[in-house]
Amino acid sequence: MATVDKEIALMQQRMDQMDKKLDKMDEKLDSLVKQLLHPDSGVTARVNRNTAARKTLVKAIWVLYGIVAAAIGKMFFGS
């Protein structure tokens, strides 16, 4: 009977340890989700800002290409 009581106590202790580990994992997962999806400083927000900056930069480069092409055209075909 004593071994059964010890086994039950050991199982209870292991279940308590697993519960603590699950709580720690839950906290870490919450932290990761917050870092990824925070609307102001999360990874998603940074990706969106970088995408917007890249699109603006591409437009500016095309404008510069147009200006350079016009200047070269004027040099060859201008009076």
C-alpha atoms as a PDB file:
ATOM      1  CA  MET A   1       0.000   0.000   0.000  1.00  0.00           C
ATOM      2  CA  ALA A   2       2.920   2.311   0.757  1.00  0.00           C
ATOM      3  CA  THR A   3       4.352   1.911  -2.753  1.00  0.00           C
ATOM      4  CA  VAL A   4       1.015   2.822  -4.305  1.00  0.00           C
ATOM      5  CA  ASP A   5       0.874   5.972  -2.164  1.00  0.00           C
ATOM      6  CA  LYS A   6       4.446   6.838  -3.188  1.00  0.00           C
ATOM      7  CA  GLU A   7       3.649   6.282  -6.844  1.00  0.00           C
ATOM      8  CA  ILE A   8       0.559   8.472  -6.596  1.00  0.00           C
ATOM      9  CA  ALA A   9       2.579  11.193  -4.842  1.00  0.00           C
ATOM     10  CA  LEU A  10       5.271  10.939  -7.521  1.00  0.00           C
ATOM     11  CA  MET A  11       2.678  11.171 -10.277  1.00  0.00           C
ATOM     12  CA  GLN A  12       1.128  14.220  -8.588  1.00  0.00           C
ATOM     13  CA  GLN A  13       4.554  15.843  -8.360  1.00  0.00           C
ATOM     14  CA  ARG A  14       5.229  15.175 -12.032  1.00  0.00           C
ATOM     15  CA  MET A  15       1.836  16.565 -13.006  1.00  0.00           C
ATOM     16  CA  ASP A  16       2.583  19.721 -10.999  1.00  0.00           C
ATOM     17  CA  GLN A  17       5.938  20.088 -12.759  1.00  0.00           C
ATOM     18  CA  MET A  18       4.282  19.635 -16.146  1.00  0.00           C
ATOM     19  CA  ASP A  19       1.684  22.255 -15.225  1.00  0.00           C
ATOM     20  CA  LYS A  20       4.443  24.736 -14.338  1.00  0.00           C
ATOM     21  CA  LYS A  21       6.242  24.011 -17.598  1.00  0.00           C
ATOM     22  CA  LEU A  22       3.022  24.517 -19.554  1.00  0.00           C
ATOM     23  CA  ASP A  23       2.496  27.858 -17.832  1.00  0.00           C
ATOM     24  CA  LYS A  24       6.027  28.928 -18.797  1.00  0.00           C
ATOM     25  CA  MET A  25       5.460  27.843 -22.377  1.00  0.00           C
ATOM     26  CA  ASP A  26       2.196  29.762 -22.474  1.00  0.00           C
ATOM     27  CA  GLU A  27       3.946  32.911 -21.260  1.00  0.00           C
ATOM     28  CA  LYS A  28       6.650  32.523 -23.900  1.00  0.00           C
ATOM     29  CA  LEU A  29       4.062  31.975 -26.615  1.00  0.00           C
ATOM     30  CA  ASP A  30       2.165  35.084 -25.515  1.00  0.00           C
ATOM     31  CA  SER A  31       5.405  37.053 -25.662  1.00  0.00           C
ATOM     32  CA  LEU A  32       6.172  35.788 -29.173  1.00  0.00           C
ATOM     33  CA  VAL A  33       2.693  36.580 -30.420  1.00  0.00           C
ATOM     34  CA  LYS A  34       2.954  40.084 -28.965  1.00  0.00           C
ATOM     35  CA  GLN A  35       6.336  40.623 -30.654  1.00  0.00           C
ATOM     36  CA  LEU A  36       5.010  39.394 -33.981  1.00  0.00           C
ATOM     37  CA  LEU A  37       1.580  40.953 -34.104  1.00  0.00           C
ATOM     38  CA  HIS A  38       1.825  44.157 -32.037  1.00  0.00           C
ATOM     39  CA  PRO A  39       0.241  46.838 -34.246  1.00  0.00           C
ATOM     40  CA  ASP A  40       2.925  49.477 -33.611  1.00  0.00           C
ATOM     41  CA  SER A  41       6.172  47.620 -33.028  1.00  0.00           C
ATOM     42  CA  GLY A  42       5.543  44.062 -34.165  1.00  0.00           C
ATOM     43  CA  VAL A  43       7.270  42.292 -36.999  1.00  0.00           C
ATOM     44  CA  THR A  44       4.181  42.594 -39.174  1.00  0.00           C
ATOM     45  CA  ALA A  45       4.097  46.369 -38.702  1.00  0.00           C
ATOM     46  CA  ARG A  46       7.793  46.650 -39.574  1.00  0.00           C
ATOM     47  CA  VAL A  47       7.335  44.561 -42.702  1.00  0.00           C
ATOM     48  CA  ASN A  48       4.447  46.781 -43.781  1.00  0.00           C
ATOM     49  CA  ARG A  49       6.539  49.934 -43.204  1.00  0.00           C
ATOM     50  CA  ASN A  50       9.461  48.456 -45.146  1.00  0.00           C
ATOM     51  CA  THR A  51       7.144  47.513 -48.014  1.00  0.00           C
ATOM     52  CA  ALA A  52       5.721  51.034 -48.138  1.00  0.00           C
ATOM     53  CA  ALA A  53       9.222  52.545 -48.095  1.00  0.00           C
ATOM     54  CA  ARG A  54      10.369  50.199 -50.854  1.00  0.00           C
ATOM     55  CA  LYS A  55       7.401  51.134 -53.061  1.00  0.00           C
ATOM     56  CA  THR A  56       8.147  54.829 -52.575  1.00  0.00           C
ATOM     57  CA  LEU A  57      11.809  54.269 -53.385  1.00  0.00           C
ATOM     58  CA  VAL A  58      10.940  52.365 -56.563  1.00  0.00           C
ATOM     59  CA  LYS A  59       8.750  55.274 -57.714  1.00  0.00           C
ATOM     60  CA  ALA A  60      11.569  57.734 -57.039  1.00  0.00           C
ATOM     61  CA  ILE A  61      14.052  55.610 -58.991  1.00  0.00           C
ATOM     62  CA  TRP A  62      11.698  55.463 -61.975  1.00  0.00           C
ATOM     63  CA  VAL A  63      11.406  59.257 -61.873  1.00  0.00           C
ATOM     64  CA  LEU A  64      15.211  59.499 -61.892  1.00  0.00           C
ATOM     65  CA  TYR A  65      15.396  57.074 -64.831  1.00  0.00           C
ATOM     66  CA  GLY A  66      12.941  59.270 -66.700  1.00  0.00           C
ATOM     67  CA  ILE A  67      14.964  62.408 -65.996  1.00  0.00           C
ATOM     68  CA  VAL A  68      18.205  60.731 -67.115  1.00  0.00           C
ATOM     69  CA  ALA A  69      16.551  59.373 -70.274  1.00  0.00           C
ATOM     70  CA  ALA A  70      15.156  62.829 -71.069  1.00  0.00           C
ATOM     71  CA  ALA A  71      18.557  64.436 -70.525  1.00  0.00           C
ATOM     72  CA  ILE A  72      20.268  61.889 -72.789  1.00  0.00           C
ATOM     73  CA  GLY A  73      17.555  62.341 -75.400  1.00  0.00           C
ATOM     74  CA  LYS A  74      17.981  66.086 -75.287  1.00  0.00           C
ATOM     75  CA  MET A  75      21.756  65.755 -75.699  1.00  0.00           C
ATOM     76  CA  PHE A  76      21.351  63.613 -78.831  1.00  0.00           C
ATOM     77  CA  PHE A  77      18.282  65.123 -80.403  1.00  0.00           C
ATOM     78  CA  GLY A  78      18.188  68.648 -78.947  1.00  0.00           C
ATOM     79  CA  SER A  79      19.216  71.699 -80.865  1.00  0.00           C
END
